[in-house]
């Protein structure tokens, strides 16, 4: 098992941003925290979605993977009415790659954010 903590990863709690085991990388839930920023700026749901996917990508790349190697993503969104904008931004960032995906509505997320994403991807 290898624990992944990319140099540009947003600050976190008592967990590893990623764990590599048996050719897979498991990415912990990522929020739209901008690396290097102390303050938490929420922004639009489109901005939050893209930043969250970029944070997932940073962990994947540190593990020797990338967004095009994602097998499964789980997206937590605080309001179902945001789903259209989330899905449009997700499709733009992910391009033709379509991993298995689940969308889970939740009540509240940390720092007032509206989205969190976790992923499982192949390494190599």
Protein backbone atom coordinates (compact mmCIF):
# COMPACT_ATOMS: atom_id res chain seq x y z
CA UNK A 1 0.00 0.00 0.00
CA UNK A 2 1.25 3.47 -0.90
CA UNK A 3 -0.23 6.65 0.56
CA UNK A 4 -0.42 9.58 -1.86
CA UNK A 5 -0.14 13.19 -0.74
CA UNK A 6 0.49 15.44 -3.77
CA UNK A 7 2.51 18.59 -3.17
CA UNK A 8 -0.35 20.80 -4.35
CA UNK A 9 -3.12 18.94 -2.49
CA UNK A 10 -5.56 21.06 -0.52
CA UNK A 11 -5.18 20.79 3.26
CA UNK A 12 -7.03 17.89 4.81
CA UNK A 13 -7.87 16.09 7.99
CA UNK A 14 -6.73 12.71 9.30
CA UNK A 15 -6.74 10.83 5.98
CA UNK A 16 -4.67 10.32 2.85
CA UNK A 17 -5.79 12.10 -0.32
CA UNK A 18 -5.07 8.86 -2.18
CA UNK A 19 -4.09 5.26 -1.56
CA UNK A 20 -2.56 2.98 -4.21
CA UNK A 21 -3.09 -0.76 -3.82
CA UNK A 22 -3.04 -3.62 -6.35
CA UNK A 23 -2.90 -1.38 -9.42
CA UNK A 24 -5.68 0.96 -8.32
CA UNK A 25 -5.70 4.39 -6.74
CA UNK A 26 -8.50 5.30 -4.35
CA UNK A 27 -9.01 9.06 -4.18
CA UNK A 28 -10.58 10.45 -1.01
CA UNK A 29 -13.46 12.87 -1.37
CA UNK A 30 -12.13 16.14 -2.74
CA UNK A 31 -13.69 19.56 -2.22
CA UNK A 32 -13.22 22.60 -4.50
CA UNK A 33 -10.47 24.00 -2.29
CA UNK A 34 -7.89 25.88 -4.35
CA UNK A 35 -4.35 24.71 -3.50
CA UNK A 36 -2.33 27.37 -1.71
CA UNK A 37 -5.37 29.37 -0.62
CA UNK A 38 -6.19 29.75 3.05
CA UNK A 39 -9.67 31.20 2.54
CA UNK A 40 -12.61 29.16 1.26
CA UNK A 41 -14.24 30.90 -1.69
CA UNK A 42 -17.37 29.01 -2.77
CA UNK A 43 -17.93 30.40 -6.31
CA UNK A 44 -20.42 29.08 -8.85
CA UNK A 45 -21.27 25.39 -9.04
CA UNK A 46 -19.46 25.24 -12.39
CA UNK A 47 -16.30 26.67 -10.80
CA UNK A 48 -16.66 24.31 -7.84
CA UNK A 49 -17.12 21.28 -10.09
CA UNK A 50 -14.08 22.07 -12.24
CA UNK A 51 -11.84 22.80 -9.23
CA UNK A 52 -12.97 19.61 -7.51
CA UNK A 53 -12.17 17.55 -10.62
CA UNK A 54 -8.75 19.27 -10.85
CA UNK A 55 -8.10 18.33 -7.21
CA UNK A 56 -9.04 14.72 -8.00
CA UNK A 57 -6.72 14.91 -11.01
CA UNK A 58 -3.81 16.18 -8.87
CA UNK A 59 -4.10 13.13 -6.60
CA UNK A 60 -4.42 10.81 -9.60
CA UNK A 61 -1.34 12.27 -11.28
CA UNK A 62 0.70 12.01 -8.07
CA UNK A 63 -0.24 8.30 -8.05
CA UNK A 64 0.75 7.74 -11.69
CA UNK A 65 -2.78 7.92 -13.10
CA UNK A 66 -5.07 10.57 -14.59
CA UNK A 67 -8.71 11.38 -15.29
CA UNK A 68 -8.75 9.15 -18.38
CA UNK A 69 -7.92 6.14 -16.15
CA UNK A 70 -10.86 6.67 -13.76
CA UNK A 71 -13.01 3.57 -13.34
CA UNK A 72 -15.61 5.00 -10.97
CA UNK A 73 -16.55 8.36 -9.46
CA UNK A 74 -18.97 9.26 -6.71
CA UNK A 75 -20.28 12.82 -6.76
CA UNK A 76 -21.91 14.32 -3.69
CA UNK A 77 -24.02 17.38 -4.48
CA UNK A 78 -25.89 19.50 -1.94
CA UNK A 79 -28.84 20.40 -4.16
CA UNK A 80 -30.38 18.29 -6.91
CA UNK A 81 -31.30 21.42 -8.87
CA UNK A 82 -27.56 21.98 -9.47
CA UNK A 83 -27.20 18.68 -11.29
CA UNK A 84 -27.53 20.08 -14.84
CA UNK A 85 -24.66 22.52 -14.33
CA UNK A 86 -22.56 19.90 -12.54
CA UNK A 87 -23.11 17.36 -15.31
CA UNK A 88 -22.30 19.88 -18.09
CA UNK A 89 -19.02 20.89 -16.41
CA UNK A 90 -18.18 17.24 -15.65
CA UNK A 91 -18.75 16.29 -19.32
CA UNK A 92 -16.54 19.16 -20.53
CA UNK A 93 -13.66 18.26 -18.19
CA UNK A 94 -13.93 14.48 -18.65
CA UNK A 95 -14.34 14.66 -22.45
CA UNK A 96 -15.12 11.31 -24.08
CA UNK A 97 -14.12 9.31 -21.00
CA UNK A 98 -17.22 7.99 -19.22
CA UNK A 99 -16.39 6.08 -16.03
CA UNK A 100 -19.06 4.44 -13.90
CA UNK A 101 -20.61 7.10 -11.70
CA UNK A 102 -22.95 7.62 -8.79
CA UNK A 103 -24.54 10.88 -7.71
CA UNK A 104 -25.50 11.19 -4.07
CA UNK A 105 -27.59 14.10 -2.81
CA UNK A 106 -26.41 15.39 0.56
CA UNK A 107 -27.57 18.12 2.90
CA UNK A 108 -24.43 20.08 3.79
CA UNK A 109 -20.77 19.93 2.85
CA UNK A 110 -17.76 21.40 4.64
CA UNK A 111 -17.08 25.18 4.29
CA UNK A 112 -20.42 25.71 2.49
CA UNK A 113 -19.28 23.97 -0.68
CA UNK A 114 -21.90 22.29 -2.84
CA UNK A 115 -19.90 19.40 -4.32
CA UNK A 116 -17.44 16.70 -3.28
CA UNK A 117 -16.00 13.98 -5.55
CA UNK A 118 -14.19 10.72 -4.82
CA UNK A 119 -12.76 8.33 -7.41
CA UNK A 120 -11.17 4.97 -8.12
CA UNK A 121 -8.75 4.73 -11.05
CA UNK A 122 -6.25 2.38 -12.64
CA UNK A 123 -2.58 3.18 -12.12
CA UNK A 124 -0.03 2.93 -14.92
